[in-house]
Amino acid sequence: MDRISLFTLALVLGVAAMVTYFTVGPRFVTADNLLDDKLQHALGFGAIIAPAAFFRPRWLWVLAPAAIAFGGLIEVAQAYVGRDAELTDWAADIIGVIAASTLAVALRAQLARRGLLRGL
């Protein structure tokens, strides 16, 4: 595996670990204090997929469905750790995956057209 792939994998797994901690771990701040709960879900799952969408867009065929399934598993797990399990949170996860994938792939294409991605 090349350096960019290892870097991308590390980012994806690191962000996934953080999202897992913040979605099933103890609550530090409420959604009212920081951001709307649905926006937190969309941003979190978008952050998981964005590095792969930008650096390794071919990985999206596997990672996007995996991230969506992961969001569903987190909602199920939340029911067992004293958090609210909501179908609308999972919908926000899916929206985040789609939006971040679309934006990252579009940004990569734009940068490639300008010749700014040599070596990636």
PDB file of N, CA and C in Angstrom:
ATOM      1  N   MET A   1       0.857  -1.175   0.000  1.00  0.00           N
ATOM      2  CA  MET A   1       0.000   0.000   0.000  1.00  0.00           C
ATOM      3  C   MET A   1       0.904   1.239   0.000  1.00  0.00           C
ATOM      4  N   ASP A   2       0.584   2.206  -0.849  1.00  0.00           N
ATOM      5  CA  ASP A   2       1.416   3.408  -0.937  1.00  0.00           C
ATOM      6  C   ASP A   2       1.126   4.380   0.214  1.00  0.00           C
ATOM      7  N   ARG A   3       1.911   5.423   0.303  1.00  0.00           N
ATOM      8  CA  ARG A   3       1.802   6.375   1.420  1.00  0.00           C
ATOM      9  C   ARG A   3       0.462   7.090   1.462  1.00  0.00           C
ATOM     10  N   ILE A   4      -0.019   7.515   0.306  1.00  0.00           N
ATOM     11  CA  ILE A   4      -1.300   8.222   0.273  1.00  0.00           C
ATOM     12  C   ILE A   4      -2.432   7.300   0.735  1.00  0.00           C
ATOM     13  N   SER A   5      -2.389   6.058   0.324  1.00  0.00           N
ATOM     14  CA  SER A   5      -3.411   5.103   0.756  1.00  0.00           C
ATOM     15  C   SER A   5      -3.345   4.875   2.264  1.00  0.00           C
ATOM     16  N   LEU A   6      -2.142   4.721   2.799  1.00  0.00           N
ATOM     17  CA  LEU A   6      -1.991   4.547   4.253  1.00  0.00           C
ATOM     18  C   LEU A   6      -2.467   5.777   5.010  1.00  0.00           C
ATOM     19  N   PHE A   7      -2.115   6.949   4.500  1.00  0.00           N
ATOM     20  CA  PHE A   7      -2.547   8.207   5.107  1.00  0.00           C
ATOM     21  C   PHE A   7      -4.072   8.304   5.090  1.00  0.00           C
ATOM     22  N   THR A   8      -4.671   7.984   3.960  1.00  0.00           N
ATOM     23  CA  THR A   8      -6.127   8.028   3.819  1.00  0.00           C
ATOM     24  C   THR A   8      -6.794   7.049   4.773  1.00  0.00           C
ATOM     25  N   LEU A   9      -6.277   5.842   4.830  1.00  0.00           N
ATOM     26  CA  LEU A   9      -6.830   4.831   5.731  1.00  0.00           C
ATOM     27  C   LEU A   9      -6.729   5.273   7.183  1.00  0.00           C
ATOM     28  N   ALA A  10      -5.593   5.846   7.559  1.00  0.00           N
ATOM     29  CA  ALA A  10      -5.417   6.335   8.927  1.00  0.00           C
ATOM     30  C   ALA A  10      -6.415   7.446   9.251  1.00  0.00           C
ATOM     31  N   LEU A  11      -6.619   8.368   8.310  1.00  0.00           N
ATOM     32  CA  LEU A  11      -7.600   9.441   8.529  1.00  0.00           C
ATOM     33  C   LEU A  11      -9.007   8.884   8.686  1.00  0.00           C
ATOM     34  N   VAL A  12      -9.388   7.995   7.797  1.00  0.00           N
ATOM     35  CA  VAL A  12     -10.742   7.414   7.845  1.00  0.00           C
ATOM     36  C   VAL A  12     -10.961   6.683   9.168  1.00  0.00           C
ATOM     37  N   LEU A  13     -10.012   5.840   9.549  1.00  0.00           N
ATOM     38  CA  LEU A  13     -10.173   5.078  10.795  1.00  0.00           C
ATOM     39  C   LEU A  13     -10.103   5.969  12.031  1.00  0.00           C
ATOM     40  N   GLY A  14      -9.236   6.962  12.001  1.00  0.00           N
ATOM     41  CA  GLY A  14      -9.133   7.886  13.134  1.00  0.00           C
ATOM     42  C   GLY A  14     -10.406   8.690  13.331  1.00  0.00           C
ATOM     43  N   VAL A  15     -10.944   9.213  12.250  1.00  0.00           N
ATOM     44  CA  VAL A  15     -12.191   9.977  12.355  1.00  0.00           C
ATOM     45  C   VAL A  15     -13.339   9.055  12.749  1.00  0.00           C
ATOM     46  N   ALA A  16     -13.372   7.847  12.213  1.00  0.00           N
ATOM     47  CA  ALA A  16     -14.421   6.891  12.597  1.00  0.00           C
ATOM     48  C   ALA A  16     -14.358   6.577  14.089  1.00  0.00           C
ATOM     49  N   ALA A  17     -13.168   6.444  14.625  1.00  0.00           N
ATOM     50  CA  ALA A  17     -13.017   6.197  16.067  1.00  0.00           C
ATOM     51  C   ALA A  17     -13.537   7.381  16.875  1.00  0.00           C
ATOM     52  N   MET A  18     -13.216   8.599  16.430  1.00  0.00           N
ATOM     53  CA  MET A  18     -13.702   9.790  17.145  1.00  0.00           C
ATOM     54  C   MET A  18     -15.222   9.891  17.070  1.00  0.00           C
ATOM     55  N   VAL A  19     -15.783   9.645  15.901  1.00  0.00           N
ATOM     56  CA  VAL A  19     -17.239   9.710  15.751  1.00  0.00           C
ATOM     57  C   VAL A  19     -17.898   8.658  16.635  1.00  0.00           C
ATOM     58  N   THR A  20     -17.319   7.472  16.688  1.00  0.00           N
ATOM     59  CA  THR A  20     -17.861   6.419  17.551  1.00  0.00           C
ATOM     60  C   THR A  20     -17.858   6.861  19.006  1.00  0.00           C
ATOM     61  N   TYR A  21     -16.746   7.418  19.440  1.00  0.00           N
ATOM     62  CA  TYR A  21     -16.645   7.867  20.830  1.00  0.00           C
ATOM     63  C   TYR A  21     -17.694   8.931  21.138  1.00  0.00           C
ATOM     64  N   PHE A  22     -17.843   9.903  20.238  1.00  0.00           N
ATOM     65  CA  PHE A  22     -18.769  10.993  20.509  1.00  0.00           C
ATOM     66  C   PHE A  22     -20.233  10.592  20.344  1.00  0.00           C
ATOM     67  N   THR A  23     -20.517   9.519  19.620  1.00  0.00           N
ATOM     68  CA  THR A  23     -21.912   9.118  19.439  1.00  0.00           C
ATOM     69  C   THR A  23     -22.376   8.052  20.433  1.00  0.00           C
ATOM     70  N   VAL A  24     -21.466   7.257  20.972  1.00  0.00           N
ATOM     71  CA  VAL A  24     -21.896   6.249  21.949  1.00  0.00           C
ATOM     72  C   VAL A  24     -21.230   6.432  23.308  1.00  0.00           C
ATOM     73  N   GLY A  25     -20.296   7.346  23.404  1.00  0.00           N
ATOM     74  CA  GLY A  25     -19.612   7.602  24.660  1.00  0.00           C
ATOM     75  C   GLY A  25     -20.386   8.589  25.525  1.00  0.00           C
ATOM     76  N   PRO A  26     -19.757   9.056  26.578  1.00  0.00           N
ATOM     77  CA  PRO A  26     -20.431  10.014  27.462  1.00  0.00           C
ATOM     78  C   PRO A  26     -20.685  11.341  26.736  1.00  0.00           C
ATOM     79  N   ARG A  27     -21.744  11.998  27.142  1.00  0.00           N
ATOM     80  CA  ARG A  27     -22.070  13.293  26.537  1.00  0.00           C
ATOM     81  C   ARG A  27     -21.291  14.387  27.258  1.00  0.00           C
ATOM     82  N   PHE A  28     -20.602  15.200  26.465  1.00  0.00           N
ATOM     83  CA  PHE A  28     -19.863  16.331  27.030  1.00  0.00           C
ATOM     84  C   PHE A  28     -20.643  17.621  26.896  1.00  0.00           C
ATOM     85  N   VAL A  29     -21.260  17.802  25.755  1.00  0.00           N
ATOM     86  CA  VAL A  29     -22.112  18.961  25.522  1.00  0.00           C
ATOM     87  C   VAL A  29     -23.384  18.461  24.870  1.00  0.00           C
ATOM     88  N   THR A  30     -24.447  19.195  25.084  1.00  0.00           N
ATOM     89  CA  THR A  30     -25.696  18.803  24.447  1.00  0.00           C
ATOM     90  C   THR A  30     -25.756  19.405  23.054  1.00  0.00           C
ATOM     91  N   ALA A  31     -26.622  18.874  22.260  1.00  0.00           N
ATOM     92  CA  ALA A  31     -26.774  19.378  20.894  1.00  0.00           C
ATOM     93  C   ALA A  31     -27.191  20.844  20.899  1.00  0.00           C
ATOM     94  N   ASP A  32     -27.948  21.254  21.910  1.00  0.00           N
ATOM     95  CA  ASP A  32     -28.393  22.641  21.990  1.00  0.00           C
ATOM     96  C   ASP A  32     -27.228  23.599  22.220  1.00  0.00           C
ATOM     97  N   ASN A  33     -26.175  23.114  22.854  1.00  0.00           N
ATOM     98  CA  ASN A  33     -25.044  23.980  23.166  1.00  0.00           C
ATOM     99  C   ASN A  33     -24.078  24.162  22.006  1.00  0.00           C
ATOM    100  N   LEU A  34     -24.006  23.213  21.108  1.00  0.00           N
ATOM    101  CA  LEU A  34     -22.998  23.281  20.060  1.00  0.00           C
ATOM    102  C   LEU A  34     -23.643  23.390  18.684  1.00  0.00           C
ATOM    103  N   LEU A  35     -24.158  22.337  18.193  1.00  0.00           N
ATOM    104  CA  LEU A  35     -24.813  22.296  16.884  1.00  0.00           C
ATOM    105  C   LEU A  35     -26.048  21.425  16.986  1.00  0.00           C
ATOM    106  N   ASP A  36     -26.935  21.594  16.064  1.00  0.00           N
ATOM    107  CA  ASP A  36     -28.090  20.716  15.990  1.00  0.00           C
ATOM    108  C   ASP A  36     -27.632  19.267  15.876  1.00  0.00           C
ATOM    109  N   ASP A  37     -28.318  18.375  16.524  1.00  0.00           N
ATOM    110  CA  ASP A  37     -27.959  16.953  16.545  1.00  0.00           C
ATOM    111  C   ASP A  37     -27.830  16.363  15.146  1.00  0.00           C
ATOM    112  N   LYS A  38     -28.759  16.686  14.270  1.00  0.00           N
ATOM    113  CA  LYS A  38     -28.708  16.133  12.907  1.00  0.00           C
ATOM    114  C   LYS A  38     -27.496  16.667  12.149  1.00  0.00           C
ATOM    115  N   LEU A  39     -27.158  17.932  12.365  1.00  0.00           N
ATOM    116  CA  LEU A  39     -25.981  18.508  11.729  1.00  0.00           C
ATOM    117  C   LEU A  39     -24.710  17.847  12.257  1.00  0.00           C
ATOM    118  N   GLN A  40     -24.681  17.532  13.548  1.00  0.00           N
ATOM    119  CA  GLN A  40     -23.534  16.814  14.119  1.00  0.00           C
ATOM    120  C   GLN A  40     -23.363  15.459  13.435  1.00  0.00           C
ATOM    121  N   HIS A  41     -24.449  14.754  13.242  1.00  0.00           N
ATOM    122  CA  HIS A  41     -24.382  13.444  12.579  1.00  0.00           C
ATOM    123  C   HIS A  41     -23.895  13.588  11.145  1.00  0.00           C
ATOM    124  N   ALA A  42     -24.453  14.531  10.402  1.00  0.00           N
ATOM    125  CA  ALA A  42     -24.059  14.722   9.006  1.00  0.00           C
ATOM    126  C   ALA A  42     -22.586  15.115   8.906  1.00  0.00           C
ATOM    127  N   LEU A  43     -22.137  16.013   9.746  1.00  0.00           N
ATOM    128  CA  LEU A  43     -20.734  16.433   9.719  1.00  0.00           C
ATOM    129  C   LEU A  43     -19.801  15.295  10.130  1.00  0.00           C
ATOM    130  N   GLY A  44     -20.183  14.547  11.141  1.00  0.00           N
ATOM    131  CA  GLY A  44     -19.348  13.435  11.607  1.00  0.00           C
ATOM    132  C   GLY A  44     -19.161  12.372  10.534  1.00  0.00           C
ATOM    133  N   PHE A  45     -20.245  11.959   9.918  1.00  0.00           N
ATOM    134  CA  PHE A  45     -20.141  10.910   8.903  1.00  0.00           C
ATOM    135  C   PHE A  45     -19.569  11.446   7.595  1.00  0.00           C
ATOM    136  N   GLY A  46     -19.785  12.721   7.341  1.00  0.00           N
ATOM    137  CA  GLY A  46     -19.116  13.340   6.204  1.00  0.00           C
ATOM    138  C   GLY A  46     -17.612  13.371   6.415  1.00  0.00           C
ATOM    139  N   ALA A  47     -17.198  13.642   7.647  1.00  0.00           N
ATOM    140  CA  ALA A  47     -15.761  13.678   7.963  1.00  0.00           C
ATOM    141  C   ALA A  47     -15.126  12.295   7.840  1.00  0.00           C
ATOM    142  N   ILE A  48     -15.880  11.257   8.121  1.00  0.00           N
ATOM    143  CA  ILE A  48     -15.340   9.903   7.970  1.00  0.00           C
ATOM    144  C   ILE A  48     -15.028   9.616   6.509  1.00  0.00           C
ATOM    145  N   ILE A  49     -15.919   9.975   5.623  1.00  0.00           N
ATOM    146  CA  ILE A  49     -15.802   9.577   4.216  1.00  0.00           C
ATOM    147  C   ILE A  49     -14.988  10.559   3.381  1.00  0.00           C
ATOM    148  N   ALA A  50     -14.884  11.801   3.798  1.00  0.00           N
ATOM    149  CA  ALA A  50     -14.239  12.837   2.976  1.00  0.00           C
ATOM    150  C   ALA A  50     -12.792  12.523   2.579  1.00  0.00           C
ATOM    151  N   PRO A  51     -11.935  12.040   3.489  1.00  0.00           N
ATOM    152  CA  PRO A  51     -10.558  11.745   3.054  1.00  0.00           C
ATOM    153  C   PRO A  51     -10.492  10.701   1.940  1.00  0.00           C
ATOM    154  N   ALA A  52     -11.304   9.671   2.045  1.00  0.00           N
ATOM    155  CA  ALA A  52     -11.313   8.642   1.005  1.00  0.00           C
ATOM    156  C   ALA A  52     -11.873   9.198  -0.293  1.00  0.00           C
ATOM    157  N   ALA A  53     -12.911  10.001  -0.206  1.00  0.00           N
ATOM    158  CA  ALA A  53     -13.506  10.569  -1.413  1.00  0.00           C
ATOM    159  C   ALA A  53     -12.520  11.476  -2.139  1.00  0.00           C
ATOM    160  N   PHE A  54     -11.684  12.168  -1.395  1.00  0.00           N
ATOM    161  CA  PHE A  54     -10.719  13.076  -2.023  1.00  0.00           C
ATOM    162  C   PHE A  54      -9.479  12.342  -2.512  1.00  0.00           C
ATOM    163  N   PHE A  55      -8.852  11.556  -1.629  1.00  0.00           N
ATOM    164  CA  PHE A  55      -7.580  10.927  -1.970  1.00  0.00           C
ATOM    165  C   PHE A  55      -7.718   9.614  -2.737  1.00  0.00           C
ATOM    166  N   ARG A  56      -8.752   8.840  -2.458  1.00  0.00           N
ATOM    167  CA  ARG A  56      -8.950   7.541  -3.094  1.00  0.00           C
ATOM    168  C   ARG A  56     -10.423   7.356  -3.458  1.00  0.00           C
ATOM    169  N   PRO A  57     -10.925   8.112  -4.452  1.00  0.00           N
ATOM    170  CA  PRO A  57     -12.356   8.042  -4.768  1.00  0.00           C
ATOM    171  C   PRO A  57     -12.855   6.654  -5.159  1.00  0.00           C
ATOM    172  N   ARG A  58     -11.985   5.798  -5.685  1.00  0.00           N
ATOM    173  CA  ARG A  58     -12.427   4.434  -6.032  1.00  0.00           C
ATOM    174  C   ARG A  58     -12.824   3.641  -4.790  1.00  0.00           C
ATOM    175  N   TRP A  59     -12.305   4.020  -3.646  1.00  0.00           N
ATOM    176  CA  TRP A  59     -12.656   3.331  -2.402  1.00  0.00           C
ATOM    177  C   TRP A  59     -14.114   3.565  -2.013  1.00  0.00           C
ATOM    178  N   LEU A  60     -14.745   4.573  -2.580  1.00  0.00           N
ATOM    179  CA  LEU A  60     -16.111   4.915  -2.181  1.00  0.00           C
ATOM    180  C   LEU A  60     -17.098   3.783  -2.432  1.00  0.00           C
ATOM    181  N   TRP A  61     -16.825   2.941  -3.423  1.00  0.00           N
ATOM    182  CA  TRP A  61     -17.724   1.821  -3.704  1.00  0.00           C
ATOM    183  C   TRP A  61     -17.863   0.899  -2.500  1.00  0.00           C
ATOM    184  N   VAL A  62     -16.822   0.830  -1.698  1.00  0.00           N
ATOM    185  CA  VAL A  62     -16.853  -0.005  -0.492  1.00  0.00           C
ATOM    186  C   VAL A  62     -17.113   0.839   0.756  1.00  0.00           C
ATOM    187  N   LEU A  63     -16.419   1.977   0.854  1.00  0.00           N
ATOM    188  CA  LEU A  63     -16.494   2.766   2.082  1.00  0.00           C
ATOM    189  C   LEU A  63     -17.816   3.494   2.295  1.00  0.00           C
ATOM    190  N   ALA A  64     -18.437   3.980   1.238  1.00  0.00           N
ATOM    191  CA  ALA A  64     -19.710   4.686   1.419  1.00  0.00           C
ATOM    192  C   ALA A  64     -20.789   3.750   1.990  1.00  0.00           C
ATOM    193  N   PRO A  65     -21.007   2.570   1.406  1.00  0.00           N
ATOM    194  CA  PRO A  65     -21.982   1.657   2.029  1.00  0.00           C
ATOM    195  C   PRO A  65     -21.558   1.229   3.440  1.00  0.00           C
ATOM    196  N   ALA A  66     -20.251   1.060   3.650  1.00  0.00           N
ATOM    197  CA  ALA A  66     -19.777   0.676   4.985  1.00  0.00           C
ATOM    198  C   ALA A  66     -20.055   1.788   6.000  1.00  0.00           C
ATOM    199  N   ALA A  67     -19.828   3.039   5.612  1.00  0.00           N
ATOM    200  CA  ALA A  67     -20.091   4.163   6.516  1.00  0.00           C
ATOM    201  C   ALA A  67     -21.581   4.279   6.815  1.00  0.00           C
ATOM    202  N   ILE A  68     -22.403   4.053   5.816  1.00  0.00           N
ATOM    203  CA  ILE A  68     -23.856   4.100   6.020  1.00  0.00           C
ATOM    204  C   ILE A  68     -24.303   2.977   6.958  1.00  0.00           C
ATOM    205  N   ALA A  69     -23.784   1.775   6.757  1.00  0.00           N
ATOM    206  CA  ALA A  69     -24.101   0.656   7.653  1.00  0.00           C
ATOM    207  C   ALA A  69     -23.587   0.935   9.064  1.00  0.00           C
ATOM    208  N   PHE A  70     -22.406   1.521   9.153  1.00  0.00           N
ATOM    209  CA  PHE A  70     -21.817   1.884  10.444  1.00  0.00           C
ATOM    210  C   PHE A  70     -22.720   2.865  11.189  1.00  0.00           C
ATOM    211  N   GLY A  71     -23.282   3.820  10.461  1.00  0.00           N
ATOM    212  CA  GLY A  71     -24.220   4.766  11.082  1.00  0.00           C
ATOM    213  C   GLY A  71     -25.434   4.048  11.648  1.00  0.00           C
ATOM    214  N   GLY A  72     -25.940   3.064  10.916  1.00  0.00           N
ATOM    215  CA  GLY A  72     -27.067   2.283  11.428  1.00  0.00           C
ATOM    216  C   GLY A  72     -26.703   1.494  12.669  1.00  0.00           C
ATOM    217  N   LEU A  73     -25.506   0.912  12.666  1.00  0.00           N
ATOM    218  CA  LEU A  73     -25.051   0.157  13.846  1.00  0.00           C
ATOM    219  C   LEU A  73     -24.890   1.068  15.063  1.00  0.00           C
ATOM    220  N   ILE A  74     -24.409   2.274  14.830  1.00  0.00           N
ATOM    221  CA  ILE A  74     -24.262   3.213  15.947  1.00  0.00           C
ATOM    222  C   ILE A  74     -25.625   3.564  16.525  1.00  0.00           C
ATOM    223  N   GLU A  75     -26.623   3.739  15.672  1.00  0.00           N
ATOM    224  CA  GLU A  75     -27.965   4.035  16.186  1.00  0.00           C
ATOM    225  C   GLU A  75     -28.493   2.881  17.034  1.00  0.00           C
ATOM    226  N   VAL A  76     -28.240   1.667  16.605  1.00  0.00           N
ATOM    227  CA  VAL A  76     -28.655   0.508  17.409  1.00  0.00           C
ATOM    228  C   VAL A  76     -27.893   0.498  18.736  1.00  0.00           C
ATOM    229  N   ALA A  77     -26.581   0.743  18.683  1.00  0.00           N
ATOM    230  CA  ALA A  77     -25.758   0.738  19.896  1.00  0.00           C
ATOM    231  C   ALA A  77     -26.191   1.836  20.866  1.00  0.00           C
ATOM    232  N   GLN A  78     -26.627   2.971  20.340  1.00  0.00           N
ATOM    233  CA  GLN A  78     -27.041   4.070  21.217  1.00  0.00           C
ATOM    234  C   GLN A  78     -28.200   3.671  22.121  1.00  0.00           C
ATOM    235  N   ALA A  79     -29.045   2.799  21.656  1.00  0.00           N
ATOM    236  CA  ALA A  79     -30.176   2.341  22.469  1.00  0.00           C
ATOM    237  C   ALA A  79     -29.709   1.581  23.703  1.00  0.00           C
ATOM    238  N   TYR A  80     -28.507   1.017  23.645  1.00  0.00           N
ATOM    239  CA  TYR A  80     -27.987   0.214  24.755  1.00  0.00           C
ATOM    240  C   TYR A  80     -27.046   0.976  25.679  1.00  0.00           C
ATOM    241  N   VAL A  81     -26.738   2.219  25.344  1.00  0.00           N
ATOM    242  CA  VAL A  81     -25.814   2.998  26.189  1.00  0.00           C
ATOM    243  C   VAL A  81     -26.483   4.253  26.738  1.00  0.00           C
ATOM    244  N   GLY A  82     -27.816   4.241  26.789  1.00  0.00           N
ATOM    245  CA  GLY A  82     -28.533   5.355  27.384  1.00  0.00           C
ATOM    246  C   GLY A  82     -28.645   6.583  26.493  1.00  0.00           C
ATOM    247  N   ARG A  83     -28.470   6.420  25.208  1.00  0.00           N
ATOM    248  CA  ARG A  83     -28.612   7.535  24.268  1.00  0.00           C
ATOM    249  C   ARG A  83     -29.844   7.278  23.410  1.00  0.00           C
ATOM    250  N   ASP A  84     -30.251   8.294  22.692  1.00  0.00           N
ATOM    251  CA  ASP A  84     -31.427   8.162  21.832  1.00  0.00           C
ATOM    252  C   ASP A  84     -31.049   7.549  20.493  1.00  0.00           C
ATOM    253  N   ALA A  85     -31.711   6.474  20.134  1.00  0.00           N
ATOM    254  CA  ALA A  85     -31.532   5.847  18.823  1.00  0.00           C
ATOM    255  C   ALA A  85     -32.650   6.349  17.930  1.00  0.00           C
ATOM    256  N   GLU A  86     -32.281   7.117  16.906  1.00  0.00           N
ATOM    257  CA  GLU A  86     -33.296   7.727  16.045  1.00  0.00           C
ATOM    258  C   GLU A  86     -33.014   7.426  14.580  1.00  0.00           C
ATOM    259  N   LEU A  87     -34.053   7.075  13.866  1.00  0.00           N
ATOM    260  CA  LEU A  87     -33.939   6.839  12.435  1.00  0.00           C
ATOM    261  C   LEU A  87     -33.531   8.120  11.707  1.00  0.00           C
ATOM    262  N   THR A  88     -33.966   9.266  12.220  1.00  0.00           N
ATOM    263  CA  THR A  88     -33.598  10.539  11.585  1.00  0.00           C
ATOM    264  C   THR A  88     -32.109  10.835  11.752  1.00  0.00           C
ATOM    265  N   ASP A  89     -31.491  10.350  12.810  1.00  0.00           N
ATOM    266  CA  ASP A  89     -30.039  10.497  12.953  1.00  0.00           C
ATOM    267  C   ASP A  89     -29.321   9.689  11.873  1.00  0.00           C
ATOM    268  N   TRP A  90     -29.821   8.491  11.621  1.00  0.00           N
ATOM    269  CA  TRP A  90     -29.221   7.665  10.568  1.00  0.00           C
ATOM    270  C   TRP A  90     -29.398   8.325   9.207  1.00  0.00           C
ATOM    271  N   ALA A  91     -30.558   8.930   8.983  1.00  0.00           N
ATOM    272  CA  ALA A  91     -30.775   9.662   7.728  1.00  0.00           C
ATOM    273  C   ALA A  91     -29.767  10.805   7.599  1.00  0.00           C
ATOM    274  N   ALA A  92     -29.490  11.481   8.700  1.00  0.00           N
ATOM    275  CA  ALA A  92     -28.492  12.558   8.683  1.00  0.00           C
ATOM    276  C   ALA A  92     -27.100  12.000   8.388  1.00  0.00           C
ATOM    277  N   ASP A  93     -26.790  10.820   8.923  1.00  0.00           N
ATOM    278  CA  ASP A  93     -25.511  10.166   8.611  1.00  0.00           C
ATOM    279  C   ASP A  93     -25.394   9.923   7.109  1.00  0.00           C
ATOM    280  N   ILE A  94     -26.465   9.412   6.520  1.00  0.00           N
ATOM    281  CA  ILE A  94     -26.475   9.111   5.085  1.00  0.00           C
ATOM    282  C   ILE A  94     -26.313  10.385   4.268  1.00  0.00           C
ATOM    283  N   ILE A  95     -27.011  11.433   4.655  1.00  0.00           N
ATOM    284  CA  ILE A  95     -26.883  12.716   3.960  1.00  0.00           C
ATOM    285  C   ILE A  95     -25.449  13.229   4.057  1.00  0.00           C
ATOM    286  N   GLY A  96     -24.835  13.083   5.228  1.00  0.00           N
ATOM    287  CA  GLY A  96     -23.451  13.507   5.400  1.00  0.00           C
ATOM    288  C   GLY A  96     -22.492  12.742   4.508  1.00  0.00           C
ATOM    289  N   VAL A  97     -22.694  11.441   4.399  1.00  0.00           N
ATOM    290  CA  VAL A  97     -21.842  10.612   3.533  1.00  0.00           C
ATOM    291  C   VAL A  97     -21.995  11.042   2.076  1.00  0.00           C
ATOM    292  N   ILE A  98     -23.220  11.232   1.639  1.00  0.00           N
ATOM    293  CA  ILE A  98     -23.462  11.614   0.244  1.00  0.00           C
ATOM    294  C   ILE A  98     -22.914  13.013  -0.044  1.00  0.00           C
ATOM    295  N   ALA A  99     -23.200  13.961   0.841  1.00  0.00           N
ATOM    296  CA  ALA A  99     -22.755  15.341   0.621  1.00  0.00           C
ATOM    297  C   ALA A  99     -21.234  15.455   0.622  1.00  0.00           C
ATOM    298  N   ALA A 100     -20.589  14.845   1.606  1.00  0.00           N
ATOM    299  CA  ALA A 100     -19.128  14.931   1.689  1.00  0.00           C
ATOM    300  C   ALA A 100     -18.468  14.217   0.514  1.00  0.00           C
ATOM    301  N   SER A 101     -19.010  13.076   0.113  1.00  0.00           N
ATOM    302  CA  SER A 101     -18.463  12.350  -1.036  1.00  0.00           C
ATOM    303  C   SER A 101     -18.565  13.209  -2.292  1.00  0.00           C
ATOM    304  N   THR A 102     -19.717  13.779  -2.502  1.00  0.00           N
ATOM    305  CA  THR A 102     -19.941  14.607  -3.687  1.00  0.00           C
ATOM    306  C   THR A 102     -19.001  15.812  -3.696  1.00  0.00           C
ATOM    307  N   LEU A 103     -18.914  16.500  -2.571  1.00  0.00           N
ATOM    308  CA  LEU A 103     -18.058  17.687  -2.504  1.00  0.00           C
ATOM    309  C   LEU A 103     -16.581  17.348  -2.657  1.00  0.00           C
ATOM    310  N   ALA A 104     -16.133  16.293  -2.004  1.00  0.00           N
ATOM    311  CA  ALA A 104     -14.710  15.926  -2.077  1.00  0.00           C
ATOM    312  C   ALA A 104     -14.322  15.465  -3.479  1.00  0.00           C
ATOM    313  N   VAL A 105     -15.172  14.687  -4.121  1.00  0.00           N
ATOM    314  CA  VAL A 105     -14.883  14.226  -5.487  1.00  0.00           C
ATOM    315  C   VAL A 105     -14.896  15.419  -6.442  1.00  0.00           C
ATOM    316  N   ALA A 106     -15.838  16.337  -6.267  1.00  0.00           N
ATOM    317  CA  ALA A 106     -15.896  17.529  -7.123  1.00  0.00           C
ATOM    318  C   ALA A 106     -14.669  18.412  -6.920  1.00  0.00           C
ATOM    319  N   LEU A 107     -14.240  18.579  -5.672  1.00  0.00           N
ATOM    320  CA  LEU A 107     -13.039  19.370  -5.398  1.00  0.00           C
ATOM    321  C   LEU A 107     -11.811  18.724  -6.024  1.00  0.00           C
ATOM    322  N   ARG A 108     -11.710  17.416  -5.884  1.00  0.00           N
ATOM    323  CA  ARG A 108     -10.582  16.706  -6.489  1.00  0.00           C
ATOM    324  C   ARG A 108     -10.569  16.888  -8.006  1.00  0.00           C
ATOM    325  N   ALA A 109     -11.728  16.773  -8.631  1.00  0.00           N
ATOM    326  CA  ALA A 109     -11.810  16.934 -10.087  1.00  0.00           C
ATOM    327  C   ALA A 109     -11.417  18.353 -10.501  1.00  0.00           C
ATOM    328  N   GLN A 110     -11.871  19.332  -9.756  1.00  0.00           N
ATOM    329  CA  GLN A 110     -11.533  20.722 -10.060  1.00  0.00           C
ATOM    330  C   GLN A 110     -10.031  20.963  -9.924  1.00  0.00           C
ATOM    331  N   LEU A 111      -9.444  20.456  -8.864  1.00  0.00           N
ATOM    332  CA  LEU A 111      -8.002  20.621  -8.672  1.00  0.00           C
ATOM    333  C   LEU A 111      -7.208  19.870  -9.735  1.00  0.00           C
ATOM    334  N   ALA A 112      -7.691  18.714 -10.146  1.00  0.00           N
ATOM    335  CA  ALA A 112      -7.021  17.936 -11.175  1.00  0.00           C
ATOM    336  C   ALA A 112      -7.063  18.684 -12.513  1.00  0.00           C
ATOM    337  N   ARG A 113      -8.185  19.303 -12.821  1.00  0.00           N
ATOM    338  CA  ARG A 113      -8.302  20.080 -14.054  1.00  0.00           C
ATOM    339  C   ARG A 113      -7.296  21.231 -14.089  1.00  0.00           C
ATOM    340  N   ARG A 114      -7.002  21.760 -12.938  1.00  0.00           N
ATOM    341  CA  ARG A 114      -6.043  22.868 -12.846  1.00  0.00           C
ATOM    342  C   ARG A 114      -4.594  22.394 -12.714  1.00  0.00           C
ATOM    343  N   GLY A 115      -4.416  21.084 -12.711  1.00  0.00           N
ATOM    344  CA  GLY A 115      -3.075  20.520 -12.633  1.00  0.00           C
ATOM    345  C   GLY A 115      -2.449  20.587 -11.255  1.00  0.00           C
ATOM    346  N   LEU A 116      -3.266  20.660 -10.230  1.00  0.00           N
ATOM    347  CA  LEU A 116      -2.766  20.809  -8.859  1.00  0.00           C
ATOM    348  C   LEU A 116      -2.690  19.494  -8.089  1.00  0.00           C
ATOM    349  N   LEU A 117      -2.935  18.381  -8.740  1.00  0.00           N
ATOM    350  CA  LEU A 117      -2.926  17.097  -8.046  1.00  0.00           C
ATOM    351  C   LEU A 117      -1.862  16.145  -8.584  1.00  0.00           C
ATOM    352  N   ARG A 118      -0.818  16.656  -9.069  1.00  0.00           N
ATOM    353  CA  ARG A 118       0.243  15.772  -9.587  1.00  0.00           C
ATOM    354  C   ARG A 118       0.772  14.920  -8.433  1.00  0.00           C
ATOM    355  N   GLY A 119       0.869  13.658  -8.681  1.00  0.00           N
ATOM    356  CA  GLY A 119       1.415  12.754  -7.670  1.00  0.00           C
ATOM    357  C   GLY A 119       0.371  12.129  -6.769  1.00  0.00           C
ATOM    358  N   LEU A 120      -0.903  12.534  -6.891  1.00  0.00           N
ATOM    359  CA  LEU A 120      -1.944  11.902  -6.079  1.00  0.00           C
ATOM    360  C   LEU A 120      -2.640  10.916  -6.948  1.00  0.00           C
TER     361      LEU A 120
END
